[in-house]
Amino acid sequence: MLKLRNIQTFYGNIQALKNIDMDVKEGEIITLIGANGAGKSTTLMTLCGIVPPASGTIEFQGRDITGLPPDKIAALGISQVPEGRRIFPYLTVTENLDMGTFLRKDKTQIKQDLNHVFELFPILAERRNQQGGTLSGGEQQMLAISRAIMSKPKLLLLDEPSLGLAPIIVKQIFDIIRKVNKEDGVTIFLVEQNANLALKVADRGYVMETGTITMTDTGANLLADEAVKKAYLGM
């Protein structure tokens, strides 16, 4: 579904990504782990066209999307849940979800999908008329994920969905990530500092250090790897 080849990305004179090669197959959950500042979020920003690569190619479903603007990439079916949620705080829950449907024309299906996200996150149904900014951190993360789901993505990019959340909320969100992948058939690219949790849900994983992919394997094999345990699992 997705191919990155020899991707190099810069912030000014600072090189953030160095010759990145990655593949995501349809139906997979892929996770990218690494320390703070390793380049994980930059990888997602590059995929979305927000920080275009200086060189290399990005293919999505066989189409070269390198250098396309973010709105064109989103229209192809790539949706991102950014780090920090970035909901619209003064819009209601329902209005935030409506923003996710901006590029869609299938009004009947939109109503069904709205009911679907309310089934996934019943608390959002209860809060549908509340302003997004009045929600708890966990509820805002649920809203950010639901807004992305409302865009009907083929590929869902999740940037640090567990950040700052209580363990019980993190478990709930990761259960939903599995469900969206297995039942709704959405391919997922997950960037996450909680390496233990991320690798447990992942079909395959990549390890990034200072802008370079240093290791790739199945999620289970990376969980069992001694170097990964020492560096990222505190074992």
Protein backbone atom coordinates (compact mmCIF):
# COMPACT_ATOMS: atom_id res chain seq x y z
CA MET A 1 0.00 0.00 0.00
CA LEU A 2 2.76 2.43 0.95
CA LYS A 3 6.42 2.58 -0.11
CA LEU A 4 9.09 4.99 1.06
CA ARG A 5 12.41 4.84 -0.78
CA ASN A 6 15.56 6.78 0.09
CA ILE A 7 13.60 9.52 1.84
CA GLN A 8 15.66 12.45 3.09
CA THR A 9 13.95 15.29 4.94
CA PHE A 10 15.48 18.48 6.29
CA TYR A 11 14.50 21.28 8.66
CA GLY A 12 16.65 24.06 7.30
CA ASN A 13 20.21 22.69 7.39
CA ILE A 14 19.35 19.93 9.86
CA GLN A 15 18.75 16.51 8.31
CA ALA A 16 15.88 14.80 10.13
CA LEU A 17 15.45 11.69 7.95
CA LYS A 18 18.33 9.87 6.30
CA ASN A 19 17.65 7.51 3.39
CA ILE A 20 14.49 5.99 4.90
CA ASP A 21 13.07 2.84 3.29
CA MET A 22 9.75 1.55 4.63
CA ASP A 23 6.84 -0.56 3.39
CA VAL A 24 3.28 -0.85 4.65
CA LYS A 25 1.09 -3.64 3.32
CA GLU A 26 -2.67 -3.35 3.08
CA GLY A 27 -4.41 -4.49 6.28
CA GLU A 28 -1.33 -4.28 8.50
CA ILE A 29 -0.65 -2.44 11.69
CA ILE A 30 2.88 -1.06 11.37
CA THR A 31 4.57 0.65 14.28
CA LEU A 32 7.55 2.98 14.32
CA ILE A 33 9.36 3.25 17.64
CA GLY A 34 12.31 5.31 18.77
CA ALA A 35 13.48 7.88 21.30
CA ASN A 36 12.36 11.50 21.41
CA GLY A 37 13.81 13.40 18.47
CA ALA A 38 14.54 10.26 16.46
CA GLY A 39 12.45 11.46 13.50
CA LYS A 40 9.22 9.52 14.05
CA SER A 41 6.82 12.46 13.78
CA THR A 42 8.83 13.88 10.89
CA THR A 43 8.22 10.60 9.04
CA LEU A 44 4.46 11.11 9.36
CA MET A 45 4.72 14.79 8.42
CA THR A 46 6.68 13.79 5.33
CA LEU A 47 4.08 11.19 4.40
CA CYS A 48 1.32 13.80 4.71
CA GLY A 49 3.13 16.38 2.58
CA ILE A 50 3.46 18.86 5.46
CA VAL A 51 7.27 18.59 5.39
CA PRO A 52 8.09 17.49 1.83
CA PRO A 53 11.16 15.28 1.37
CA ALA A 54 14.28 16.78 -0.14
CA SER A 55 14.83 13.56 -2.08
CA GLY A 56 13.46 10.05 -2.44
CA THR A 57 10.01 8.78 -3.42
CA ILE A 58 6.73 8.00 -1.68
CA GLU A 59 4.20 5.71 -3.36
CA PHE A 60 0.64 5.13 -2.16
CA GLN A 61 -1.30 2.30 -3.81
CA GLY A 62 1.10 2.38 -6.74
CA ARG A 63 0.86 6.15 -7.26
CA ASP A 64 3.79 8.50 -6.75
CA ILE A 65 2.63 11.06 -4.18
CA THR A 66 6.05 12.62 -3.54
CA GLY A 67 5.64 16.38 -3.23
CA LEU A 68 1.84 16.42 -3.41
CA PRO A 69 0.21 19.03 -1.14
CA PRO A 70 -1.43 17.76 2.07
CA ASP A 71 -5.02 18.22 0.85
CA LYS A 72 -4.38 16.09 -2.24
CA ILE A 73 -2.77 13.37 -0.12
CA ALA A 74 -5.71 13.42 2.30
CA ALA A 75 -8.13 13.11 -0.62
CA LEU A 76 -6.40 9.87 -1.67
CA GLY A 77 -7.29 8.28 1.68
CA ILE A 78 -4.43 9.06 4.08
CA SER A 79 -5.57 10.58 7.37
CA GLN A 80 -3.43 11.59 10.33
CA VAL A 81 -4.21 11.87 14.04
CA PRO A 82 -1.50 14.34 15.05
CA GLU A 83 0.46 14.39 18.27
CA GLY A 84 -1.36 16.61 20.75
CA ARG A 85 -4.79 15.81 19.18
CA ARG A 86 -5.32 19.28 17.66
CA ILE A 87 -9.08 19.19 17.79
CA PHE A 88 -11.08 22.40 17.28
CA PRO A 89 -11.66 23.45 20.91
CA TYR A 90 -14.55 25.86 20.27
CA LEU A 91 -16.48 23.50 18.00
CA THR A 92 -18.77 20.84 19.45
CA VAL A 93 -17.93 17.16 19.28
CA THR A 94 -20.35 16.74 16.36
CA GLU A 95 -18.89 19.75 14.53
CA ASN A 96 -15.37 18.36 14.99
CA LEU A 97 -16.52 15.07 13.49
CA ASP A 98 -18.16 16.92 10.60
CA MET A 99 -14.76 18.47 9.82
CA GLY A 100 -13.47 14.97 9.14
CA THR A 101 -16.02 14.58 6.33
CA PHE A 102 -14.98 17.76 4.51
CA LEU A 103 -13.83 15.93 1.35
CA ARG A 104 -16.69 13.40 1.30
CA LYS A 105 -19.87 13.56 -0.81
CA ASP A 106 -21.66 10.39 0.38
CA LYS A 107 -24.08 11.98 2.85
CA THR A 108 -26.00 8.77 3.65
CA GLN A 109 -22.83 6.86 4.47
CA ILE A 110 -21.59 9.79 6.58
CA LYS A 111 -24.59 9.37 8.89
CA GLN A 112 -23.84 5.67 9.24
CA ASP A 113 -20.18 6.38 9.98
CA LEU A 114 -21.16 8.94 12.62
CA ASN A 115 -23.23 6.27 14.35
CA HIS A 116 -20.27 3.91 14.03
CA VAL A 117 -17.83 6.23 15.83
CA PHE A 118 -20.42 6.79 18.54
CA GLU A 119 -20.55 3.01 18.96
CA LEU A 120 -16.75 2.88 19.16
CA PHE A 121 -16.64 5.74 21.66
CA PRO A 122 -20.01 5.97 23.49
CA ILE A 123 -18.72 8.83 25.66
CA LEU A 124 -18.55 11.01 22.52
CA ALA A 125 -22.24 10.35 21.86
CA GLU A 126 -22.98 11.61 25.36
CA ARG A 127 -20.80 14.67 24.78
CA ARG A 128 -21.90 15.36 21.19
CA ASN A 129 -23.09 18.91 21.94
CA GLN A 130 -20.12 19.82 24.16
CA GLN A 131 -17.27 22.00 22.94
CA GLY A 132 -14.19 19.91 22.19
CA GLY A 133 -12.03 22.01 24.49
CA THR A 134 -14.13 21.03 27.52
CA LEU A 135 -13.39 17.31 27.09
CA SER A 136 -10.79 15.44 29.13
CA GLY A 137 -7.46 14.54 27.49
CA GLY A 138 -8.61 10.99 26.85
CA GLU A 139 -11.91 12.14 25.36
CA GLN A 140 -10.07 14.60 23.11
CA GLN A 141 -7.86 11.76 21.86
CA MET A 142 -10.98 9.70 21.14
CA LEU A 143 -12.41 12.69 19.27
CA ALA A 144 -9.22 13.15 17.22
CA ILE A 145 -9.24 9.47 16.23
CA SER A 146 -12.95 9.58 15.43
CA ARG A 147 -12.52 12.71 13.30
CA ALA A 148 -9.88 10.87 11.26
CA ILE A 149 -12.14 7.81 10.93
CA MET A 150 -14.90 10.07 9.61
CA SER A 151 -12.70 10.90 6.63
CA LYS A 152 -13.01 7.21 5.62
CA PRO A 153 -9.24 6.62 5.42
CA LYS A 154 -7.53 3.74 3.70
CA LEU A 155 -4.39 4.45 5.73
CA LEU A 156 -4.63 5.90 9.24
CA LEU A 157 -1.53 7.57 10.71
CA LEU A 158 -1.46 7.79 14.50
CA ASP A 159 1.15 9.98 16.21
CA GLU A 160 1.65 9.16 19.92
CA PRO A 161 -1.99 8.27 20.74
CA SER A 162 -1.09 7.27 24.32
CA LEU A 163 0.72 10.51 25.18
CA GLY A 164 -0.33 11.93 28.54
CA LEU A 165 -3.21 9.52 29.08
CA ALA A 166 -4.07 7.29 32.04
CA PRO A 167 -3.32 3.57 31.52
CA ILE A 168 -7.02 2.59 31.48
CA ILE A 169 -7.73 5.11 28.69
CA VAL A 170 -4.64 3.98 26.76
CA LYS A 171 -5.89 0.38 26.87
CA GLN A 172 -9.31 1.48 25.61
CA ILE A 173 -7.78 3.44 22.73
CA PHE A 174 -5.49 0.58 21.70
CA ASP A 175 -8.46 -1.81 21.77
CA ILE A 176 -10.22 0.54 19.35
CA ILE A 177 -7.12 0.73 17.13
CA ARG A 178 -7.18 -3.07 16.83
CA LYS A 179 -10.91 -3.02 16.12
CA VAL A 180 -10.65 -0.36 13.41
CA ASN A 181 -7.89 -2.39 11.79
CA LYS A 182 -9.47 -5.85 12.01
CA GLU A 183 -13.18 -5.06 11.63
CA ASP A 184 -13.15 -1.91 9.50
CA GLY A 185 -10.16 -2.99 7.40
CA VAL A 186 -8.18 0.22 7.90
CA THR A 187 -4.41 -0.07 7.50
CA ILE A 188 -2.61 1.62 10.40
CA PHE A 189 0.78 3.28 10.73
CA LEU A 190 1.42 3.87 14.42
CA VAL A 191 4.14 6.10 15.89
CA GLU A 192 4.38 5.47 19.60
CA GLN A 193 6.83 5.92 22.48
CA ASN A 194 5.14 3.18 24.48
CA ALA A 195 7.12 0.56 22.60
CA ASN A 196 5.80 -2.37 24.60
CA LEU A 197 2.16 -1.60 23.80
CA ALA A 198 2.87 -0.60 20.20
CA LEU A 199 4.79 -3.76 19.36
CA LYS A 200 2.12 -5.96 20.94
CA VAL A 201 -0.51 -4.69 18.48
CA ALA A 202 1.82 -4.45 15.47
CA ASP A 203 2.18 -6.96 12.66
CA ARG A 204 5.58 -5.46 11.92
CA GLY A 205 7.72 -2.74 13.41
CA TYR A 206 10.57 -0.38 12.58
CA VAL A 207 13.12 1.05 15.00
CA MET A 208 14.39 4.57 14.27
CA GLU A 209 17.50 6.21 15.69
CA THR A 210 18.56 9.77 14.76
CA GLY A 211 16.67 9.74 11.48
CA THR A 212 17.77 6.26 10.38
CA ILE A 213 15.94 2.92 10.38
CA THR A 214 18.19 0.61 12.37
CA MET A 215 16.00 -2.47 12.67
CA THR A 216 12.81 -4.00 11.26
CA ASP A 217 11.03 -7.26 12.08
CA THR A 218 7.69 -8.60 13.22
CA GLY A 219 6.25 -6.97 16.32
CA ALA A 220 6.72 -10.20 18.28
CA ASN A 221 10.38 -10.57 17.28
CA LEU A 222 11.18 -6.96 18.16
CA LEU A 223 9.52 -7.44 21.55
CA ALA A 224 11.82 -10.39 22.18
CA ASP A 225 14.98 -8.69 20.89
CA GLU A 226 17.49 -7.99 23.67
CA ALA A 227 18.67 -4.68 22.20
CA VAL A 228 15.08 -3.44 21.87
CA LYS A 229 14.29 -4.59 25.41
CA LYS A 230 17.25 -2.70 26.80
CA ALA A 231 16.76 0.50 24.79
CA TYR A 232 12.98 0.85 24.68
CA LEU A 233 11.30 -1.54 27.10
CA GLY A 234 13.33 -0.82 30.22
CA MET A 235 14.31 -4.47 30.62
